[in-house]
């Protein structure tokens, strides 16, 4: 075995044992780490921009949704982590939609095949998604939010301010409590 091959093998074993992530090579593993922040200074949420299609709704704007609690969920149907969060998002919508929660899924594709409107429609049907979904093929809404991860959730209060932000799977109870608190509902 050559020295170079031995060094590479040792490095790979070290990465496997320690669980280290190599930037640029293991991006999916890096994205799987949850990121939670209460949005600094409760910034005003950006509007939906550059949307190619709307599913389950007419085109929406945050101005139209003022007075409601809004959960913006960035996802794409080809992302396993996104698919894992969908039952929680759809359950949250079912639980609070009659109390003032609006969920807006923002489907921002990662791969070329995810740009297809018919593929997105099929995914909505497959996952039982009935809340509004914006198809953000050019990542304009994604960029307006300065989003970096799939999946990511942003909770917007009745005044249009981002009050909670989370990337990755999990934190479902915390998201539920935040929505319930904003709606003055019992969770």
N, C-alpha and C. Protein backbone atom coordinates (compact mmCIF):
# COMPACT_ATOMS: atom_id res chain seq x y z
N UNK A 1 0.86 -1.17 0.00
CA UNK A 1 0.00 0.00 0.00
C UNK A 1 0.91 1.24 0.00
N UNK A 2 0.63 2.18 -0.86
CA UNK A 2 1.45 3.38 -0.92
C UNK A 2 1.12 4.29 0.26
N UNK A 3 2.04 5.19 0.55
CA UNK A 3 1.85 6.13 1.66
C UNK A 3 0.61 7.01 1.44
N UNK A 4 0.42 7.47 0.21
CA UNK A 4 -0.72 8.34 -0.10
C UNK A 4 -2.05 7.60 0.14
N UNK A 5 -2.14 6.35 -0.32
CA UNK A 5 -3.34 5.56 -0.12
C UNK A 5 -3.57 5.29 1.36
N UNK A 6 -2.52 5.03 2.10
CA UNK A 6 -2.61 4.81 3.54
C UNK A 6 -3.11 6.07 4.24
N UNK A 7 -2.62 7.24 3.84
CA UNK A 7 -3.04 8.50 4.46
C UNK A 7 -4.52 8.78 4.17
N UNK A 8 -4.94 8.55 2.94
CA UNK A 8 -6.35 8.76 2.59
C UNK A 8 -7.23 7.80 3.37
N UNK A 9 -6.82 6.54 3.48
CA UNK A 9 -7.60 5.55 4.23
C UNK A 9 -7.72 5.95 5.69
N UNK A 10 -6.64 6.39 6.28
CA UNK A 10 -6.66 6.82 7.68
C UNK A 10 -7.57 8.02 7.87
N UNK A 11 -7.54 8.96 6.93
CA UNK A 11 -8.40 10.14 7.03
C UNK A 11 -9.87 9.74 6.94
N UNK A 12 -10.21 8.83 6.03
CA UNK A 12 -11.59 8.39 5.90
C UNK A 12 -12.07 7.66 7.14
N UNK A 13 -11.23 6.84 7.72
CA UNK A 13 -11.58 6.15 8.95
C UNK A 13 -11.79 7.17 10.07
N UNK A 14 -10.92 8.15 10.14
CA UNK A 14 -11.06 9.20 11.17
C UNK A 14 -12.35 9.97 11.02
N UNK A 15 -12.70 10.29 9.80
CA UNK A 15 -13.95 11.02 9.56
C UNK A 15 -15.14 10.16 9.95
N UNK A 16 -15.10 8.89 9.60
CA UNK A 16 -16.19 7.98 9.92
C UNK A 16 -16.34 7.82 11.43
N UNK A 17 -15.26 7.66 12.13
CA UNK A 17 -15.29 7.46 13.58
C UNK A 17 -15.74 8.73 14.31
N UNK A 18 -15.23 9.88 13.90
CA UNK A 18 -15.55 11.12 14.61
C UNK A 18 -16.84 11.76 14.14
N UNK A 19 -17.34 11.37 12.98
CA UNK A 19 -18.55 11.98 12.44
C UNK A 19 -18.30 13.35 11.86
N UNK A 20 -17.07 13.66 11.55
CA UNK A 20 -16.73 14.98 11.00
C UNK A 20 -17.35 15.16 9.62
N UNK A 21 -17.56 16.40 9.26
CA UNK A 21 -18.14 16.74 7.97
C UNK A 21 -17.11 17.53 7.18
N UNK A 22 -16.89 17.13 5.95
CA UNK A 22 -15.95 17.83 5.09
C UNK A 22 -16.74 18.85 4.28
N UNK A 23 -16.50 20.15 4.51
CA UNK A 23 -17.24 21.16 3.74
C UNK A 23 -17.04 20.96 2.24
N UNK A 24 -18.13 21.07 1.49
CA UNK A 24 -18.07 20.93 0.04
C UNK A 24 -18.23 19.50 -0.42
N UNK A 25 -18.07 18.54 0.50
CA UNK A 25 -18.21 17.14 0.13
C UNK A 25 -19.43 16.54 0.81
N UNK A 26 -19.64 16.88 2.05
CA UNK A 26 -20.74 16.31 2.82
C UNK A 26 -21.78 17.36 3.16
N UNK A 27 -22.22 18.09 2.16
CA UNK A 27 -23.17 19.17 2.40
C UNK A 27 -24.49 18.65 2.98
N UNK A 28 -24.96 17.49 2.53
CA UNK A 28 -26.23 16.98 3.04
C UNK A 28 -26.13 16.70 4.53
N UNK A 29 -25.02 16.15 4.96
CA UNK A 29 -24.84 15.90 6.39
C UNK A 29 -24.77 17.21 7.16
N UNK A 30 -24.13 18.19 6.59
CA UNK A 30 -24.04 19.49 7.25
C UNK A 30 -25.42 20.13 7.36
N UNK A 31 -26.27 19.97 6.34
CA UNK A 31 -27.61 20.53 6.34
C UNK A 31 -28.51 19.84 7.34
N UNK A 32 -28.20 18.58 7.68
CA UNK A 32 -29.07 17.83 8.58
C UNK A 32 -28.99 18.36 10.01
N UNK A 33 -27.96 19.12 10.36
CA UNK A 33 -27.84 19.69 11.68
C UNK A 33 -28.86 20.79 11.86
N UNK A 34 -29.76 20.67 12.85
CA UNK A 34 -30.79 21.68 13.00
C UNK A 34 -30.20 23.05 13.36
N UNK A 35 -30.78 24.07 12.80
CA UNK A 35 -30.41 25.44 13.10
C UNK A 35 -31.66 26.11 13.63
N UNK A 36 -31.59 26.65 14.83
CA UNK A 36 -32.74 27.31 15.41
C UNK A 36 -32.33 28.69 15.86
N UNK A 37 -33.07 29.68 15.45
CA UNK A 37 -32.84 31.03 15.95
C UNK A 37 -34.17 31.72 16.08
N UNK A 38 -34.26 32.52 17.10
CA UNK A 38 -35.38 33.45 17.14
C UNK A 38 -34.88 34.62 16.32
N UNK A 39 -35.58 34.95 15.28
CA UNK A 39 -35.09 35.96 14.33
C UNK A 39 -34.70 37.23 15.06
N UNK A 40 -33.47 37.63 14.87
CA UNK A 40 -32.92 38.79 15.55
C UNK A 40 -33.73 40.03 15.23
N UNK A 41 -34.17 40.70 16.27
CA UNK A 41 -34.86 41.96 16.08
C UNK A 41 -36.24 41.82 15.44
N UNK A 42 -36.74 40.60 15.33
CA UNK A 42 -38.04 40.35 14.71
C UNK A 42 -38.19 41.14 13.41
N UNK A 43 -37.36 40.81 12.46
CA UNK A 43 -37.39 41.51 11.17
C UNK A 43 -38.68 41.24 10.42
N UNK A 44 -39.07 42.19 9.60
CA UNK A 44 -40.25 42.02 8.76
C UNK A 44 -39.98 40.93 7.73
N UNK A 45 -40.94 40.04 7.60
CA UNK A 45 -40.79 38.92 6.67
C UNK A 45 -40.84 39.43 5.23
N UNK A 46 -39.95 38.93 4.38
CA UNK A 46 -40.02 39.28 2.95
C UNK A 46 -41.27 38.68 2.31
N UNK A 47 -41.74 39.29 1.26
CA UNK A 47 -42.91 38.78 0.55
C UNK A 47 -42.49 37.64 -0.38
N UNK A 48 -43.48 36.93 -0.89
CA UNK A 48 -43.25 35.88 -1.87
C UNK A 48 -42.93 36.57 -3.20
N UNK A 49 -41.81 36.21 -3.79
CA UNK A 49 -41.38 36.89 -5.01
C UNK A 49 -40.86 35.88 -6.02
N UNK A 50 -41.07 36.14 -7.29
CA UNK A 50 -40.57 35.28 -8.35
C UNK A 50 -41.21 33.91 -8.38
N UNK A 51 -42.44 33.81 -7.92
CA UNK A 51 -43.12 32.51 -7.85
C UNK A 51 -43.61 32.11 -9.24
N UNK A 52 -43.27 30.88 -9.64
CA UNK A 52 -43.64 30.35 -10.95
C UNK A 52 -45.10 29.88 -11.00
N UNK A 53 -45.55 29.21 -9.95
CA UNK A 53 -46.90 28.66 -9.87
C UNK A 53 -47.36 28.68 -8.42
N UNK A 54 -48.66 28.77 -8.25
CA UNK A 54 -49.29 28.58 -6.94
C UNK A 54 -50.18 27.34 -7.04
N UNK A 55 -50.08 26.49 -6.03
CA UNK A 55 -50.92 25.30 -5.94
C UNK A 55 -51.82 25.45 -4.71
N UNK A 56 -53.03 24.95 -4.80
CA UNK A 56 -54.00 24.97 -3.70
C UNK A 56 -54.42 26.37 -3.28
N UNK A 57 -54.13 27.39 -4.09
CA UNK A 57 -54.44 28.76 -3.70
C UNK A 57 -54.26 29.69 -4.88
N UNK A 58 -54.90 30.82 -4.79
CA UNK A 58 -54.58 31.92 -5.70
C UNK A 58 -53.25 32.50 -5.22
N UNK A 59 -52.57 33.33 -5.99
CA UNK A 59 -51.32 33.95 -5.52
C UNK A 59 -51.55 34.72 -4.22
N UNK A 60 -50.63 34.55 -3.29
CA UNK A 60 -50.72 35.18 -1.99
C UNK A 60 -49.61 36.20 -1.81
N UNK A 61 -49.86 37.16 -0.95
CA UNK A 61 -48.80 38.08 -0.51
C UNK A 61 -48.92 38.18 1.00
N UNK A 62 -47.83 38.55 1.66
CA UNK A 62 -47.88 38.67 3.11
C UNK A 62 -48.79 39.81 3.53
N UNK A 63 -48.95 40.82 2.69
CA UNK A 63 -49.89 41.91 3.01
C UNK A 63 -51.31 41.35 3.11
N UNK A 64 -51.65 40.41 2.23
CA UNK A 64 -52.97 39.77 2.28
C UNK A 64 -53.15 38.94 3.55
N UNK A 65 -52.06 38.47 4.11
CA UNK A 65 -52.11 37.57 5.25
C UNK A 65 -51.92 38.29 6.59
N UNK A 66 -51.79 39.61 6.55
CA UNK A 66 -51.61 40.38 7.78
C UNK A 66 -52.77 40.08 8.72
N UNK A 67 -52.48 39.93 10.00
CA UNK A 67 -53.50 39.56 10.98
C UNK A 67 -53.56 38.06 11.22
N UNK A 68 -52.89 37.28 10.39
CA UNK A 68 -52.83 35.83 10.54
C UNK A 68 -51.43 35.44 11.01
N UNK A 69 -51.33 34.27 11.62
CA UNK A 69 -50.03 33.67 11.89
C UNK A 69 -49.69 32.84 10.67
N UNK A 70 -48.47 33.01 10.15
CA UNK A 70 -48.06 32.34 8.92
C UNK A 70 -46.83 31.49 9.19
N UNK A 71 -46.89 30.24 8.76
CA UNK A 71 -45.72 29.36 8.78
C UNK A 71 -45.27 29.22 7.34
N UNK A 72 -44.08 29.71 7.03
CA UNK A 72 -43.49 29.54 5.71
C UNK A 72 -42.54 28.36 5.81
N UNK A 73 -42.79 27.34 5.00
CA UNK A 73 -42.02 26.10 5.04
C UNK A 73 -41.29 25.91 3.72
N UNK A 74 -39.96 26.10 3.74
CA UNK A 74 -39.15 25.86 2.55
C UNK A 74 -38.86 24.36 2.46
N UNK A 75 -39.14 23.78 1.30
CA UNK A 75 -38.97 22.35 1.12
C UNK A 75 -38.80 22.04 -0.36
N UNK A 76 -38.45 20.81 -0.63
CA UNK A 76 -38.45 20.28 -1.98
C UNK A 76 -38.76 18.79 -1.88
N UNK A 77 -39.52 18.28 -2.81
CA UNK A 77 -40.01 16.91 -2.67
C UNK A 77 -38.92 15.85 -2.80
N UNK A 78 -37.77 16.20 -3.33
CA UNK A 78 -36.69 15.24 -3.47
C UNK A 78 -35.77 15.16 -2.26
N UNK A 79 -36.05 15.93 -1.23
CA UNK A 79 -35.22 15.98 -0.02
C UNK A 79 -35.83 15.09 1.06
N UNK A 80 -35.09 14.09 1.48
CA UNK A 80 -35.59 13.15 2.50
C UNK A 80 -35.94 13.89 3.78
N UNK A 81 -35.10 14.81 4.21
CA UNK A 81 -35.38 15.56 5.44
C UNK A 81 -36.67 16.36 5.31
N UNK A 82 -36.91 16.94 4.14
CA UNK A 82 -38.15 17.68 3.90
C UNK A 82 -39.35 16.75 3.99
N UNK A 83 -39.27 15.60 3.34
CA UNK A 83 -40.36 14.64 3.35
C UNK A 83 -40.65 14.18 4.78
N UNK A 84 -39.60 14.04 5.59
CA UNK A 84 -39.79 13.64 6.99
C UNK A 84 -40.54 14.70 7.80
N UNK A 85 -40.44 15.97 7.43
CA UNK A 85 -41.12 17.03 8.17
C UNK A 85 -42.57 17.23 7.71
N UNK A 86 -42.89 16.81 6.50
CA UNK A 86 -44.22 17.09 5.95
C UNK A 86 -45.39 16.61 6.81
N UNK A 87 -45.34 15.41 7.42
CA UNK A 87 -46.47 15.02 8.28
C UNK A 87 -46.68 15.99 9.45
N UNK A 88 -45.61 16.53 9.97
CA UNK A 88 -45.71 17.47 11.09
C UNK A 88 -46.30 18.80 10.63
N UNK A 89 -45.88 19.26 9.45
CA UNK A 89 -46.41 20.51 8.91
C UNK A 89 -47.89 20.35 8.57
N UNK A 90 -48.26 19.25 7.93
CA UNK A 90 -49.67 19.06 7.57
C UNK A 90 -50.53 18.88 8.83
N UNK A 91 -50.01 18.21 9.86
CA UNK A 91 -50.75 18.07 11.12
C UNK A 91 -50.93 19.42 11.81
N UNK A 92 -49.89 20.25 11.79
CA UNK A 92 -49.98 21.59 12.38
C UNK A 92 -51.03 22.42 11.65
N UNK A 93 -51.05 22.32 10.34
CA UNK A 93 -52.04 23.04 9.55
C UNK A 93 -53.45 22.58 9.90
N UNK A 94 -53.65 21.27 9.96
CA UNK A 94 -54.98 20.73 10.30
C UNK A 94 -55.41 21.18 11.69
N UNK A 95 -54.49 21.22 12.61
CA UNK A 95 -54.79 21.56 14.00
C UNK A 95 -55.19 23.03 14.17
N UNK A 96 -54.52 23.94 13.43
CA UNK A 96 -54.68 25.37 13.68
C UNK A 96 -55.27 26.19 12.53
N UNK A 97 -55.59 25.58 11.41
CA UNK A 97 -56.07 26.37 10.27
C UNK A 97 -57.36 27.11 10.58
N UNK A 98 -58.22 26.54 11.41
CA UNK A 98 -59.47 27.20 11.75
C UNK A 98 -59.30 28.23 12.87
N UNK A 99 -58.09 28.32 13.41
CA UNK A 99 -57.82 29.28 14.48
C UNK A 99 -56.97 30.46 13.99
N UNK A 100 -56.63 30.45 12.67
CA UNK A 100 -55.91 31.58 12.12
C UNK A 100 -54.52 31.29 11.58
N UNK A 101 -54.10 30.03 11.55
CA UNK A 101 -52.78 29.70 10.98
C UNK A 101 -52.90 29.51 9.48
N UNK A 102 -51.98 30.12 8.77
CA UNK A 102 -51.83 29.89 7.33
C UNK A 102 -50.45 29.26 7.14
N UNK A 103 -50.41 28.12 6.48
CA UNK A 103 -49.14 27.50 6.11
C UNK A 103 -48.94 27.78 4.63
N UNK A 104 -47.75 28.24 4.29
CA UNK A 104 -47.39 28.41 2.88
C UNK A 104 -46.12 27.61 2.65
N UNK A 105 -46.24 26.55 1.88
CA UNK A 105 -45.07 25.78 1.49
C UNK A 105 -44.39 26.52 0.33
N UNK A 106 -43.09 26.68 0.43
CA UNK A 106 -42.34 27.28 -0.67
C UNK A 106 -41.45 26.17 -1.22
N UNK A 107 -41.87 25.61 -2.36
CA UNK A 107 -41.12 24.51 -2.98
C UNK A 107 -40.00 25.12 -3.81
N UNK A 108 -38.79 25.02 -3.29
CA UNK A 108 -37.60 25.55 -3.97
C UNK A 108 -36.74 24.37 -4.37
N UNK A 109 -36.68 24.06 -5.66
CA UNK A 109 -35.99 22.85 -6.11
C UNK A 109 -34.48 22.90 -5.94
N UNK A 110 -33.93 21.74 -5.67
CA UNK A 110 -32.48 21.58 -5.60
C UNK A 110 -31.95 20.99 -6.90
N UNK A 111 -32.74 20.13 -7.54
CA UNK A 111 -32.32 19.43 -8.74
C UNK A 111 -33.22 19.79 -9.92
N UNK A 112 -32.74 19.66 -11.15
CA UNK A 112 -33.54 20.04 -12.33
C UNK A 112 -34.91 19.36 -12.42
N UNK A 113 -35.01 18.08 -12.08
CA UNK A 113 -36.29 17.39 -12.20
C UNK A 113 -37.34 17.94 -11.23
N UNK A 114 -36.91 18.64 -10.19
CA UNK A 114 -37.84 19.21 -9.21
C UNK A 114 -38.48 20.52 -9.69
N UNK A 115 -38.08 21.01 -10.86
CA UNK A 115 -38.67 22.22 -11.43
C UNK A 115 -40.02 21.96 -12.09
N UNK A 116 -40.35 20.73 -12.35
CA UNK A 116 -41.58 20.35 -13.07
C UNK A 116 -42.82 20.58 -12.21
N UNK A 117 -43.74 21.40 -12.71
CA UNK A 117 -44.99 21.66 -12.00
C UNK A 117 -45.79 20.37 -11.79
N UNK A 118 -45.80 19.50 -12.78
CA UNK A 118 -46.57 18.25 -12.63
C UNK A 118 -45.94 17.35 -11.56
N UNK A 119 -44.62 17.36 -11.44
CA UNK A 119 -43.97 16.59 -10.38
C UNK A 119 -44.31 17.16 -9.01
N UNK A 120 -44.36 18.49 -8.89
CA UNK A 120 -44.72 19.12 -7.62
C UNK A 120 -46.17 18.76 -7.28
N UNK A 121 -47.07 18.86 -8.26
CA UNK A 121 -48.47 18.50 -8.03
C UNK A 121 -48.61 17.05 -7.57
N UNK A 122 -47.86 16.16 -8.18
CA UNK A 122 -47.91 14.76 -7.78
C UNK A 122 -47.42 14.59 -6.34
N UNK A 123 -46.40 15.34 -5.96
CA UNK A 123 -45.88 15.28 -4.58
C UNK A 123 -46.92 15.81 -3.59
N UNK A 124 -47.62 16.87 -3.96
CA UNK A 124 -48.66 17.42 -3.08
C UNK A 124 -49.74 16.37 -2.83
N UNK A 125 -50.14 15.70 -3.89
CA UNK A 125 -51.16 14.66 -3.76
C UNK A 125 -50.64 13.49 -2.92
N UNK A 126 -49.42 13.07 -3.20
CA UNK A 126 -48.81 11.93 -2.50
C UNK A 126 -48.72 12.19 -1.00
N UNK A 127 -48.44 13.42 -0.61
CA UNK A 127 -48.23 13.76 0.81
C UNK A 127 -49.47 14.39 1.46
N UNK A 128 -50.56 14.49 0.73
CA UNK A 128 -51.79 15.02 1.30
C UNK A 128 -51.70 16.49 1.68
N UNK A 129 -50.96 17.26 0.90
CA UNK A 129 -50.78 18.68 1.18
C UNK A 129 -51.91 19.47 0.56
N UNK A 130 -52.67 20.16 1.41
CA UNK A 130 -53.80 20.95 0.94
C UNK A 130 -53.60 22.45 1.18
N UNK A 131 -52.56 22.81 1.91
CA UNK A 131 -52.29 24.23 2.15
C UNK A 131 -51.61 24.84 0.92
N UNK A 132 -51.59 26.17 0.80
CA UNK A 132 -50.98 26.82 -0.36
C UNK A 132 -49.50 26.48 -0.51
N UNK A 133 -49.09 26.25 -1.74
CA UNK A 133 -47.68 25.98 -2.04
C UNK A 133 -47.26 26.85 -3.22
N UNK A 134 -46.17 27.56 -3.02
CA UNK A 134 -45.59 28.42 -4.05
C UNK A 134 -44.41 27.68 -4.68
N UNK A 135 -44.36 27.64 -5.99
CA UNK A 135 -43.25 27.00 -6.69
C UNK A 135 -42.21 28.08 -7.00
N UNK A 136 -41.08 27.99 -6.31
CA UNK A 136 -40.02 29.00 -6.33
C UNK A 136 -38.82 28.50 -7.14
N UNK A 137 -39.04 28.21 -8.44
CA UNK A 137 -37.99 27.59 -9.26
C UNK A 137 -36.72 28.41 -9.39
N UNK A 138 -36.81 29.73 -9.31
CA UNK A 138 -35.63 30.57 -9.47
C UNK A 138 -35.05 31.02 -8.14
N UNK A 139 -35.53 30.43 -7.04
CA UNK A 139 -35.03 30.70 -5.68
C UNK A 139 -35.15 32.17 -5.27
N UNK A 140 -36.09 32.88 -5.83
CA UNK A 140 -36.21 34.31 -5.49
C UNK A 140 -36.75 34.52 -4.09
N UNK A 141 -37.77 33.75 -3.70
CA UNK A 141 -38.27 33.86 -2.33
C UNK A 141 -37.23 33.29 -1.37
N UNK A 142 -36.63 32.17 -1.72
CA UNK A 142 -35.54 31.57 -0.93
C UNK A 142 -34.48 32.62 -0.65
N UNK A 143 -34.04 33.34 -1.67
CA UNK A 143 -33.01 34.37 -1.51
C UNK A 143 -33.51 35.56 -0.70
N UNK A 144 -34.78 35.94 -0.88
CA UNK A 144 -35.34 37.06 -0.11
C UNK A 144 -35.29 36.76 1.38
N UNK A 145 -35.48 35.50 1.76
CA UNK A 145 -35.41 35.09 3.16
C UNK A 145 -33.97 34.81 3.60
N UNK A 146 -33.05 34.83 2.65
CA UNK A 146 -31.65 34.45 2.92
C UNK A 146 -31.58 33.04 3.51
N UNK A 147 -32.46 32.21 3.00
CA UNK A 147 -32.52 30.83 3.46
C UNK A 147 -31.33 30.05 2.91
N UNK A 148 -30.90 29.03 3.65
CA UNK A 148 -29.76 28.23 3.23
C UNK A 148 -30.01 26.73 3.32
N UNK A 149 -31.15 26.32 3.87
CA UNK A 149 -31.33 24.92 4.19
C UNK A 149 -32.69 24.41 3.75
N UNK A 150 -32.73 23.10 3.44
CA UNK A 150 -33.98 22.37 3.27
C UNK A 150 -34.04 21.38 4.42
N UNK A 151 -35.10 21.21 5.07
CA UNK A 151 -36.25 22.10 5.17
C UNK A 151 -35.93 23.27 6.11
N UNK A 152 -36.73 24.31 6.03
CA UNK A 152 -36.61 25.44 6.95
C UNK A 152 -38.00 26.02 7.17
N UNK A 153 -38.27 26.37 8.42
CA UNK A 153 -39.56 26.95 8.77
C UNK A 153 -39.36 28.34 9.36
N UNK A 154 -40.23 29.25 8.96
CA UNK A 154 -40.24 30.61 9.48
C UNK A 154 -41.65 30.88 9.98
N UNK A 155 -41.79 31.27 11.24
CA UNK A 155 -43.10 31.63 11.78
C UNK A 155 -43.18 33.15 11.80
N UNK A 156 -44.26 33.65 11.20
CA UNK A 156 -44.47 35.09 11.06
C UNK A 156 -45.71 35.46 11.88
N UNK A 157 -45.56 36.47 12.73
CA UNK A 157 -46.69 36.87 13.58
C UNK A 157 -47.72 37.70 12.81
N UNK A 158 -48.75 38.10 13.50
CA UNK A 158 -49.87 38.81 12.88
C UNK A 158 -49.46 40.18 12.34
N UNK A 159 -48.32 40.70 12.77
CA UNK A 159 -47.82 41.99 12.30
C UNK A 159 -46.81 41.86 11.17
N UNK A 160 -46.57 40.63 10.70
CA UNK A 160 -45.66 40.41 9.57
C UNK A 160 -44.20 40.29 9.97
N UNK A 161 -43.93 40.04 11.26
CA UNK A 161 -42.55 39.91 11.74
C UNK A 161 -42.19 38.44 11.91
N UNK A 162 -40.96 38.09 11.52
CA UNK A 162 -40.46 36.74 11.75
C UNK A 162 -40.13 36.63 13.23
N UNK A 163 -40.80 35.70 13.92
CA UNK A 163 -40.58 35.54 15.36
C UNK A 163 -39.89 34.22 15.70
N UNK A 164 -39.78 33.32 14.72
CA UNK A 164 -39.14 32.03 14.96
C UNK A 164 -38.63 31.49 13.63
N UNK A 165 -37.45 30.88 13.70
CA UNK A 165 -36.83 30.31 12.50
C UNK A 165 -36.17 29.01 12.90
N UNK A 166 -36.34 28.00 12.07
CA UNK A 166 -35.73 26.69 12.34
C UNK A 166 -35.37 26.02 11.02
N UNK A 167 -34.20 25.41 10.98
CA UNK A 167 -33.79 24.65 9.80
C UNK A 167 -33.52 23.22 10.21
N UNK A 168 -33.97 22.30 9.38
CA UNK A 168 -33.74 20.89 9.66
C UNK A 168 -34.99 20.22 10.19
N UNK A 169 -34.83 18.96 10.58
CA UNK A 169 -35.92 18.21 11.18
C UNK A 169 -36.00 18.53 12.67
N UNK A 170 -37.13 18.16 13.26
CA UNK A 170 -37.27 18.29 14.70
C UNK A 170 -37.85 19.61 15.15
N UNK A 171 -37.84 19.81 16.45
CA UNK A 171 -38.37 21.00 17.12
C UNK A 171 -39.87 21.15 16.89
N UNK A 172 -40.55 20.03 16.64
CA UNK A 172 -41.96 20.08 16.30
C UNK A 172 -42.80 20.63 17.45
N UNK A 173 -42.51 20.21 18.69
CA UNK A 173 -43.27 20.70 19.84
C UNK A 173 -43.03 22.20 20.05
N UNK A 174 -41.81 22.65 19.84
CA UNK A 174 -41.50 24.07 19.99
C UNK A 174 -42.23 24.91 18.92
N UNK A 175 -42.28 24.39 17.70
CA UNK A 175 -43.01 25.07 16.63
C UNK A 175 -44.49 25.13 16.99
N UNK A 176 -45.06 24.01 17.46
CA UNK A 176 -46.46 23.97 17.85
C UNK A 176 -46.73 24.99 18.97
N UNK A 177 -45.88 25.01 20.00
CA UNK A 177 -46.08 25.95 21.11
C UNK A 177 -46.01 27.40 20.65
N UNK A 178 -45.10 27.69 19.73
CA UNK A 178 -44.95 29.06 19.22
C UNK A 178 -46.22 29.47 18.47
N UNK A 179 -46.71 28.59 17.61
CA UNK A 179 -47.94 28.88 16.86
C UNK A 179 -49.10 29.04 17.84
N UNK A 180 -49.24 28.14 18.80
CA UNK A 180 -50.34 28.19 19.78
C UNK A 180 -50.28 29.50 20.58
N UNK A 181 -49.10 29.89 21.00
CA UNK A 181 -48.94 31.13 21.76
C UNK A 181 -49.39 32.33 20.92
N UNK A 182 -48.96 32.36 19.67
CA UNK A 182 -49.34 33.46 18.79
C UNK A 182 -50.85 33.49 18.52
N UNK A 183 -51.46 32.34 18.48
CA UNK A 183 -52.90 32.24 18.21
C UNK A 183 -53.72 32.31 19.51
N UNK A 184 -53.03 32.33 20.65
CA UNK A 184 -53.70 32.28 21.96
C UNK A 184 -54.57 31.03 22.06
N UNK A 185 -54.04 29.91 21.53
CA UNK A 185 -54.77 28.66 21.55
C UNK A 185 -54.05 27.68 22.46
N UNK A 186 -54.76 26.71 22.95
CA UNK A 186 -54.13 25.65 23.74
C UNK A 186 -53.62 24.59 22.80
N UNK A 187 -52.36 24.16 23.04
CA UNK A 187 -51.81 23.11 22.17
C UNK A 187 -51.97 21.75 22.77
